[in-house]
N, C-alpha and C. Protein backbone atom coordinates (compact mmCIF):
# COMPACT_ATOMS: atom_id res chain seq x y z
N MET A 1 -1.32 -11.85 -17.28
CA MET A 1 -0.74 -10.36 -16.73
C MET A 1 -0.34 -10.50 -15.42
N LYS A 2 1.59 -10.09 -15.17
CA LYS A 2 2.39 -10.34 -13.74
C LYS A 2 1.82 -9.02 -13.33
N VAL A 3 2.19 -8.84 -12.10
CA VAL A 3 1.96 -8.22 -11.00
C VAL A 3 2.74 -6.73 -11.39
N ILE A 4 3.91 -6.95 -11.88
CA ILE A 4 5.35 -5.94 -12.41
C ILE A 4 4.51 -5.15 -13.24
N ASP A 5 3.32 -5.18 -13.96
CA ASP A 5 3.07 -4.89 -15.18
C ASP A 5 1.30 -4.18 -14.74
N LEU A 6 1.13 -4.40 -13.82
CA LEU A 6 0.41 -3.55 -12.95
C LEU A 6 0.40 -2.45 -11.82
N MET A 7 1.11 -2.73 -11.07
CA MET A 7 1.65 -2.13 -10.10
C MET A 7 2.50 -0.90 -10.30
N THR A 8 2.50 0.13 -9.00
CA THR A 8 2.88 1.37 -8.89
C THR A 8 4.27 1.60 -8.44
N GLY A 9 5.14 1.43 -9.14
CA GLY A 9 6.43 1.36 -8.79
C GLY A 9 7.44 2.10 -9.93
N PRO A 10 8.61 2.17 -10.15
CA PRO A 10 9.42 1.56 -8.70
C PRO A 10 9.78 2.51 -7.48
N ALA A 11 9.94 1.84 -6.92
CA ALA A 11 10.05 2.01 -4.94
C ALA A 11 10.54 3.77 -5.62
N GLU A 12 11.51 3.82 -6.01
CA GLU A 12 12.16 5.57 -5.85
C GLU A 12 10.88 6.32 -6.05
N LYS A 13 9.60 5.63 -6.43
CA LYS A 13 8.37 6.89 -6.86
C LYS A 13 7.53 6.59 -6.14
N LEU A 14 7.40 5.69 -5.08
CA LEU A 14 6.64 5.30 -4.19
C LEU A 14 6.67 6.78 -3.35
N VAL A 15 5.57 7.16 -2.62
CA VAL A 15 5.38 7.95 -1.37
C VAL A 15 5.32 6.92 -0.39
N CYS A 16 6.23 7.12 0.81
CA CYS A 16 6.64 6.36 1.93
C CYS A 16 7.06 7.04 2.89
N ALA A 17 6.87 6.57 4.14
CA ALA A 17 6.81 7.09 5.45
C ALA A 17 8.29 6.31 6.12
N LYS A 18 8.38 7.09 7.16
CA LYS A 18 9.37 6.42 8.20
C LYS A 18 8.70 6.53 9.42
N ARG A 19 8.84 5.53 9.92
CA ARG A 19 8.30 5.16 11.13
C ARG A 19 8.26 5.98 12.90
N ASP A 20 9.08 6.99 12.09
CA ASP A 20 9.05 8.39 13.34
C ASP A 20 8.23 9.54 12.98
N MET A 21 7.78 8.98 11.76
CA MET A 21 6.75 10.26 11.33
C MET A 21 5.55 10.40 12.17
N THR A 22 4.58 11.06 12.09
CA THR A 22 3.65 11.47 13.24
C THR A 22 2.44 11.34 12.49
N LEU A 23 1.38 10.75 12.97
CA LEU A 23 -0.27 11.17 12.36
C LEU A 23 -1.08 12.11 11.53
N ASP A 24 0.05 12.94 12.48
CA ASP A 24 -0.50 14.17 11.41
C ASP A 24 0.32 14.53 10.24
N ARG A 25 1.27 13.84 10.05
CA ARG A 25 2.18 14.04 8.82
C ARG A 25 2.11 12.99 8.09
N LEU A 26 1.71 11.97 8.48
CA LEU A 26 0.92 10.76 7.49
C LEU A 26 -0.10 11.19 6.65
N ALA A 27 -0.95 11.72 7.74
CA ALA A 27 -2.29 12.27 7.20
C ALA A 27 -2.24 12.90 5.85
N SER A 28 -1.65 14.04 6.19
CA SER A 28 -0.99 14.95 5.05
C SER A 28 -0.26 14.13 3.85
N LEU A 29 0.43 13.27 3.78
CA LEU A 29 1.24 12.76 3.17
C LEU A 29 0.10 11.70 2.23
N ILE A 30 -0.84 11.22 2.47
CA ILE A 30 -1.45 10.76 2.26
C ILE A 30 -2.76 11.37 1.46
N SER A 31 -3.24 12.41 2.08
CA SER A 31 -3.83 13.38 1.21
C SER A 31 -3.54 14.73 -0.06
N HIS A 32 -2.15 14.73 0.18
CA HIS A 32 -1.36 15.44 -0.33
C HIS A 32 -1.36 14.79 -1.90
N HIS A 33 -0.52 13.29 -1.62
CA HIS A 33 -0.04 12.48 -2.84
C HIS A 33 -1.77 11.46 -3.01
N ASN A 34 -2.61 12.08 -2.49
CA ASN A 34 -4.04 11.37 -3.05
C ASN A 34 -3.60 9.44 -2.99
N VAL A 35 -3.24 8.81 -2.29
CA VAL A 35 -2.63 7.56 -1.74
C VAL A 35 -3.99 7.05 -0.62
N GLY A 36 -3.89 6.05 -0.80
CA GLY A 36 -4.90 5.29 0.03
C GLY A 36 -4.60 4.35 1.68
N ALA A 37 -2.85 4.18 0.78
CA ALA A 37 -1.95 3.81 2.18
C ALA A 37 -0.29 3.77 2.35
N LEU A 38 0.16 3.96 2.94
CA LEU A 38 1.65 4.27 2.64
C LEU A 38 2.49 3.40 3.53
N PRO A 39 3.45 2.48 2.38
CA PRO A 39 4.57 2.07 3.26
C PRO A 39 5.24 2.90 4.59
N ILE A 40 5.75 2.05 4.80
CA ILE A 40 6.34 2.53 6.44
C ILE A 40 8.01 2.12 5.89
N VAL A 41 8.69 2.62 6.01
CA VAL A 41 10.53 1.71 5.62
C VAL A 41 11.28 2.55 6.70
N ASP A 42 12.19 1.69 6.69
CA ASP A 42 13.67 1.69 7.56
C ASP A 42 14.24 2.58 6.85
N ASP A 43 15.79 3.29 7.58
CA ASP A 43 16.66 3.98 6.60
C ASP A 43 17.15 3.60 5.46
N ASP A 44 16.85 2.05 5.41
CA ASP A 44 17.85 1.66 4.27
C ASP A 44 16.94 1.13 3.13
N GLY A 45 15.27 1.59 3.23
CA GLY A 45 14.25 1.14 2.61
C GLY A 45 13.93 0.17 2.74
N GLY A 46 13.74 -0.48 3.70
CA GLY A 46 13.35 -1.78 3.78
C GLY A 46 11.95 -1.68 4.40
N LEU A 47 10.92 -2.78 3.70
CA LEU A 47 9.60 -2.40 4.39
C LEU A 47 9.38 -2.68 5.62
N CYS A 48 8.54 -1.92 6.94
CA CYS A 48 8.61 -2.29 8.13
C CYS A 48 7.11 -2.72 8.37
N GLY A 49 6.60 -1.98 7.49
CA GLY A 49 4.71 -2.11 7.75
C GLY A 49 4.06 -1.04 6.78
N MET A 50 2.71 -1.47 6.83
CA MET A 50 1.75 -0.39 6.23
C MET A 50 1.02 0.51 7.09
N ILE A 51 0.16 2.12 6.89
CA ILE A 51 -0.55 2.19 7.43
C ILE A 51 -1.46 2.90 6.27
N SER A 52 -2.59 2.70 6.67
CA SER A 52 -4.17 3.32 5.66
C SER A 52 -4.98 3.88 6.15
N GLU A 53 -5.65 4.55 5.07
CA GLU A 53 -6.65 5.44 5.63
C GLU A 53 -7.27 5.26 6.78
N ARG A 54 -7.31 3.88 6.76
CA ARG A 54 -8.85 3.59 7.86
C ARG A 54 -7.99 3.28 9.22
N ASP A 55 -6.75 2.81 8.92
CA ASP A 55 -5.63 3.31 10.28
C ASP A 55 -5.94 4.39 10.70
N ILE A 56 -5.65 5.49 10.26
CA ILE A 56 -5.41 6.58 10.72
C ILE A 56 -7.00 7.13 11.40
N VAL A 57 -8.18 6.83 10.97
CA VAL A 57 -9.14 7.37 11.03
C VAL A 57 -9.50 6.80 12.20
N ARG A 58 -9.34 5.17 12.23
CA ARG A 58 -9.44 4.47 13.38
C ARG A 58 -8.86 4.89 15.01
N ALA A 59 -7.50 5.39 14.76
CA ALA A 59 -6.64 5.69 15.59
C ALA A 59 -7.04 7.37 15.93
N LEU A 60 -8.14 8.57 15.61
CA LEU A 60 -8.47 9.23 16.03
C LEU A 60 -10.02 9.08 16.28
N ALA A 61 -10.67 8.23 16.13
CA ALA A 61 -11.44 7.65 16.63
C ALA A 61 -11.26 7.39 18.29
N LEU A 62 -10.44 6.71 18.31
CA LEU A 62 -10.43 5.95 19.42
C LEU A 62 -9.41 7.14 20.47
N ASP A 63 -8.72 7.71 19.84
CA ASP A 63 -7.65 8.48 20.99
C ASP A 63 -8.42 10.37 20.50
N GLY A 64 -8.91 10.36 19.64
CA GLY A 64 -9.38 11.75 19.31
C GLY A 64 -7.99 12.68 19.06
N HIS A 65 -8.02 13.92 18.82
CA HIS A 65 -7.08 14.87 18.68
C HIS A 65 -5.76 14.47 19.32
N ALA A 66 -5.30 13.38 20.55
CA ALA A 66 -4.11 13.67 21.14
C ALA A 66 -3.48 11.94 19.82
N ALA A 67 -4.28 11.48 19.33
CA ALA A 67 -3.89 10.72 18.30
C ALA A 67 -2.85 11.68 16.76
N LEU A 68 -3.01 12.54 16.71
CA LEU A 68 -2.17 13.42 16.01
C LEU A 68 -0.65 13.24 16.18
N ALA A 69 -0.28 13.03 17.42
CA ALA A 69 1.12 12.97 18.05
C ALA A 69 1.67 11.57 17.88
N LEU A 70 0.68 10.51 17.57
CA LEU A 70 0.99 9.18 17.41
C LEU A 70 2.02 9.01 16.49
N LYS A 71 3.02 7.76 16.95
CA LYS A 71 4.04 7.76 15.40
C LYS A 71 3.68 6.27 14.88
N ALA A 72 4.35 6.46 13.58
CA ALA A 72 3.97 5.52 12.30
C ALA A 72 4.08 3.85 12.83
N SER A 73 5.22 3.83 13.80
CA SER A 73 5.84 2.84 14.68
C SER A 73 4.74 2.56 15.70
N GLU A 74 3.76 3.11 15.52
CA GLU A 74 2.49 3.16 17.20
C GLU A 74 1.77 2.26 16.60
N LEU A 75 1.24 3.02 15.08
CA LEU A 75 0.14 2.58 14.23
C LEU A 75 0.11 1.67 13.39
N MET A 76 1.13 1.11 12.37
CA MET A 76 1.48 0.25 11.64
C MET A 76 1.03 -0.46 11.92
N ILE A 77 0.43 -1.52 10.64
CA ILE A 77 0.50 -2.82 11.05
C ILE A 77 2.03 -3.48 10.44
N GLY A 78 2.53 -4.36 10.90
CA GLY A 78 3.94 -4.94 10.93
C GLY A 78 3.95 -5.92 10.12
N ALA A 79 2.70 -6.93 10.57
CA ALA A 79 3.13 -8.22 9.68
C ALA A 79 2.63 -7.93 8.76
N VAL A 80 3.15 -7.42 7.34
CA VAL A 80 2.56 -7.36 6.06
C VAL A 80 2.50 -8.48 4.96
N ILE A 81 1.58 -8.46 4.51
CA ILE A 81 1.23 -9.42 3.27
C ILE A 81 1.96 -8.53 2.02
N THR A 82 2.90 -9.40 1.72
CA THR A 82 3.47 -9.10 0.32
C THR A 82 3.49 -10.02 -0.85
N CYS A 83 3.79 -9.69 -2.22
CA CYS A 83 3.85 -10.28 -3.15
C CYS A 83 5.08 -10.31 -4.13
N ARG A 84 5.29 -11.12 -4.85
CA ARG A 84 6.78 -11.10 -6.24
C ARG A 84 5.98 -10.33 -7.23
N PRO A 85 7.17 -9.63 -8.05
CA PRO A 85 6.66 -9.44 -9.23
C PRO A 85 6.37 -10.04 -10.85
N ALA A 86 7.07 -11.21 -10.63
CA ALA A 86 6.48 -12.05 -11.46
C ALA A 86 5.06 -12.91 -10.87
N ALA A 87 4.63 -12.50 -9.98
CA ALA A 87 3.20 -13.43 -9.43
C ALA A 87 1.88 -12.71 -10.65
N SER A 88 1.10 -13.69 -10.74
CA SER A 88 0.31 -13.05 -11.29
C SER A 88 -0.45 -12.14 -11.43
N TYR A 89 -1.78 -11.37 -12.27
CA TYR A 89 -2.48 -10.70 -10.96
C TYR A 89 -3.60 -11.57 -10.12
N GLU A 90 -3.83 -12.82 -10.66
CA GLU A 90 -5.06 -13.46 -9.80
C GLU A 90 -4.16 -13.92 -8.92
N VAL A 91 -3.10 -14.22 -8.71
CA VAL A 91 -2.32 -14.61 -6.74
C VAL A 91 -2.77 -13.33 -6.23
N ALA A 92 -2.13 -11.81 -6.56
CA ALA A 92 -2.35 -11.07 -6.11
C ALA A 92 -3.77 -10.74 -5.67
N ARG A 93 -4.81 -10.99 -6.48
CA ARG A 93 -6.04 -10.12 -6.31
C ARG A 93 -6.34 -11.30 -5.26
N LYS A 94 -5.96 -12.57 -5.03
CA LYS A 94 -6.46 -14.06 -4.10
C LYS A 94 -5.85 -13.52 -2.89
N LEU A 95 -4.53 -13.40 -2.93
CA LEU A 95 -4.03 -12.52 -1.32
C LEU A 95 -5.03 -11.66 -0.76
N MET A 96 -5.37 -10.43 -1.76
CA MET A 96 -5.52 -9.42 -1.24
C MET A 96 -6.88 -9.72 -0.95
N LEU A 97 -7.87 -10.55 -1.25
CA LEU A 97 -9.35 -10.80 -0.94
C LEU A 97 -9.17 -11.86 0.37
N LYS A 98 -8.29 -12.33 0.56
CA LYS A 98 -7.70 -13.41 1.53
C LYS A 98 -7.95 -12.71 2.82
N HIS A 99 -6.90 -11.60 3.05
CA HIS A 99 -6.20 -10.88 3.71
C HIS A 99 -7.00 -9.69 3.92
N HIS A 100 -8.04 -8.73 3.03
CA HIS A 100 -8.71 -7.93 2.96
C HIS A 100 -8.15 -7.19 3.21
N ILE A 101 -7.28 -6.89 2.28
CA ILE A 101 -6.42 -5.52 2.02
C ILE A 101 -6.49 -5.09 0.68
N ARG A 102 -6.51 -3.45 0.65
CA ARG A 102 -6.46 -2.99 -0.56
C ARG A 102 -5.25 -2.45 -1.26
N HIS A 103 -3.83 -2.76 -0.39
CA HIS A 103 -2.83 -2.24 -1.17
C HIS A 103 -1.95 -3.20 -0.71
N LEU A 104 -0.90 -3.70 -1.47
CA LEU A 104 -0.06 -5.22 -1.44
C LEU A 104 1.17 -4.57 -2.26
N PRO A 105 1.83 -4.60 -0.52
CA PRO A 105 3.58 -4.35 -1.10
C PRO A 105 4.21 -5.40 -1.87
N ILE A 106 4.75 -4.96 -3.08
CA ILE A 106 5.54 -6.06 -4.44
C ILE A 106 7.10 -5.58 -3.35
N THR A 107 7.64 -6.71 -3.44
CA THR A 107 9.05 -7.04 -2.74
C THR A 107 9.70 -7.89 -3.70
N ASP A 108 11.06 -7.63 -3.60
CA ASP A 108 11.97 -8.71 -4.34
C ASP A 108 12.43 -9.73 -3.62
N ASP A 109 13.39 -10.90 -4.05
CA ASP A 109 13.62 -11.73 -3.40
C ASP A 109 14.44 -11.40 -2.33
N ASP A 110 15.00 -10.10 -1.80
CA ASP A 110 15.31 -10.21 -0.37
C ASP A 110 14.73 -9.28 0.69
N GLY A 111 13.32 -9.05 0.08
CA GLY A 111 11.96 -8.26 1.01
C GLY A 111 12.01 -6.93 0.63
N GLY A 112 12.87 -6.49 -0.27
CA GLY A 112 12.83 -5.16 -0.61
C GLY A 112 11.80 -4.30 -1.32
N LEU A 113 11.10 -3.29 -0.89
CA LEU A 113 10.17 -2.78 -1.69
C LEU A 113 10.32 -2.25 -3.17
N ILE A 114 9.65 -2.89 -3.96
CA ILE A 114 9.36 -2.23 -5.22
C ILE A 114 8.45 -1.54 -6.08
N GLY A 115 7.04 -1.78 -5.25
CA GLY A 115 6.41 -1.40 -5.61
C GLY A 115 4.84 -1.49 -5.06
N ILE A 116 3.84 -1.04 -5.19
CA ILE A 116 2.56 -1.38 -4.51
C ILE A 116 1.56 -1.77 -5.74
N LEU A 117 0.72 -2.39 -5.60
CA LEU A 117 -0.33 -3.01 -6.26
C LEU A 117 -1.69 -2.86 -5.45
N SER A 118 -2.76 -1.68 -5.90
CA SER A 118 -3.60 -1.34 -5.16
C SER A 118 -5.26 -1.95 -5.98
N GLN A 119 -5.96 -2.40 -5.10
CA GLN A 119 -7.37 -2.14 -6.08
C GLN A 119 -7.59 -1.45 -6.93
N ARG A 120 -7.03 -0.08 -6.80
CA ARG A 120 -7.44 0.99 -8.36
C ARG A 120 -6.16 0.13 -9.35
N ASP A 121 -5.55 -0.45 -9.26
CA ASP A 121 -5.03 -1.11 -10.55
C ASP A 121 -6.01 -2.12 -10.91
N LEU A 122 -6.18 -3.11 -10.05
CA LEU A 122 -7.14 -4.13 -10.51
C LEU A 122 -8.15 -3.36 -10.98
N VAL A 123 -9.08 -2.72 -10.55
CA VAL A 123 -10.13 -2.39 -11.41
C VAL A 123 -10.00 -1.81 -12.65
N THR A 124 -8.65 -0.80 -12.92
CA THR A 124 -8.52 -0.28 -13.67
C THR A 124 -8.29 -1.32 -15.05
N LEU A 125 -7.21 -2.81 -14.31
CA LEU A 125 -7.22 -3.99 -15.53
C LEU A 125 -8.69 -4.49 -16.41
N TYR A 126 -9.28 -4.71 -15.32
CA TYR A 126 -10.83 -5.27 -15.43
C TYR A 126 -11.55 -4.35 -16.26
N GLY A 127 -11.61 -2.93 -16.27
CA GLY A 127 -12.33 -2.40 -16.53
C GLY A 127 -11.76 -2.05 -18.06
N ALA A 128 -10.72 -2.09 -18.16
CA ALA A 128 -9.66 -2.27 -19.70
C ALA A 128 -10.45 -3.51 -20.50
N SER A 129 -10.10 -4.90 -19.63
CA SER A 129 -10.52 -6.17 -20.64
C SER A 129 -11.95 -5.96 -20.71
N GLU A 130 -12.91 -5.80 -20.10
CA GLU A 130 -14.24 -5.74 -20.46
C GLU A 130 -14.33 -4.34 -21.83
N GLN A 131 -13.84 -3.73 -21.58
CA GLN A 131 -13.50 -2.06 -22.71
C GLN A 131 -13.42 -3.12 -23.92
N ALA A 132 -12.43 -4.06 -23.86
CA ALA A 132 -12.09 -4.58 -25.03
C ALA A 132 -13.01 -5.53 -25.28
N ASN A 133 -12.96 -6.21 -24.73
CA ASN A 133 -14.43 -7.07 -25.10
C ASN A 133 -15.61 -6.85 -25.56
N GLU A 134 -16.17 -5.19 -25.25
CA GLU A 134 -16.92 -5.05 -25.77
C GLU A 134 -17.00 -4.36 -26.99
N ALA A 135 -15.99 -3.99 -27.48
CA ALA A 135 -15.16 -3.53 -28.30
C ALA A 135 -15.06 -4.56 -29.78
N ALA A 136 -15.12 -5.71 -29.40
CA ALA A 136 -14.62 -6.98 -30.20
C ALA A 136 -16.00 -7.69 -30.75
């Protein structure tokens, strides 16, 4: 199975954030949309970074209430590990394990964001294949 078959996308349906959004807005987006991470995109929709729930909690633990005014550009992980849509889910799974990430941005050949693959997507796949094996 390919990443494109499992990922959340297309990009137009993804919940994304901008570099100038503050932590309080980022946390609100994550909570409201029930996602674990947000891709940070530039004005052209290009992927600049990622912010996870853990990044937000870490900032709050270090800076307290003052962290709420921090901008995404100050918190985001800029060196983002990505994967292509034609890759197998096994390649994506190994990337996620190797780099200890739970949300893997899926990009096209030009680096444009087209989707996100989450650990939840992989768990769903494994759960579906276990159910099929039990039914057989």
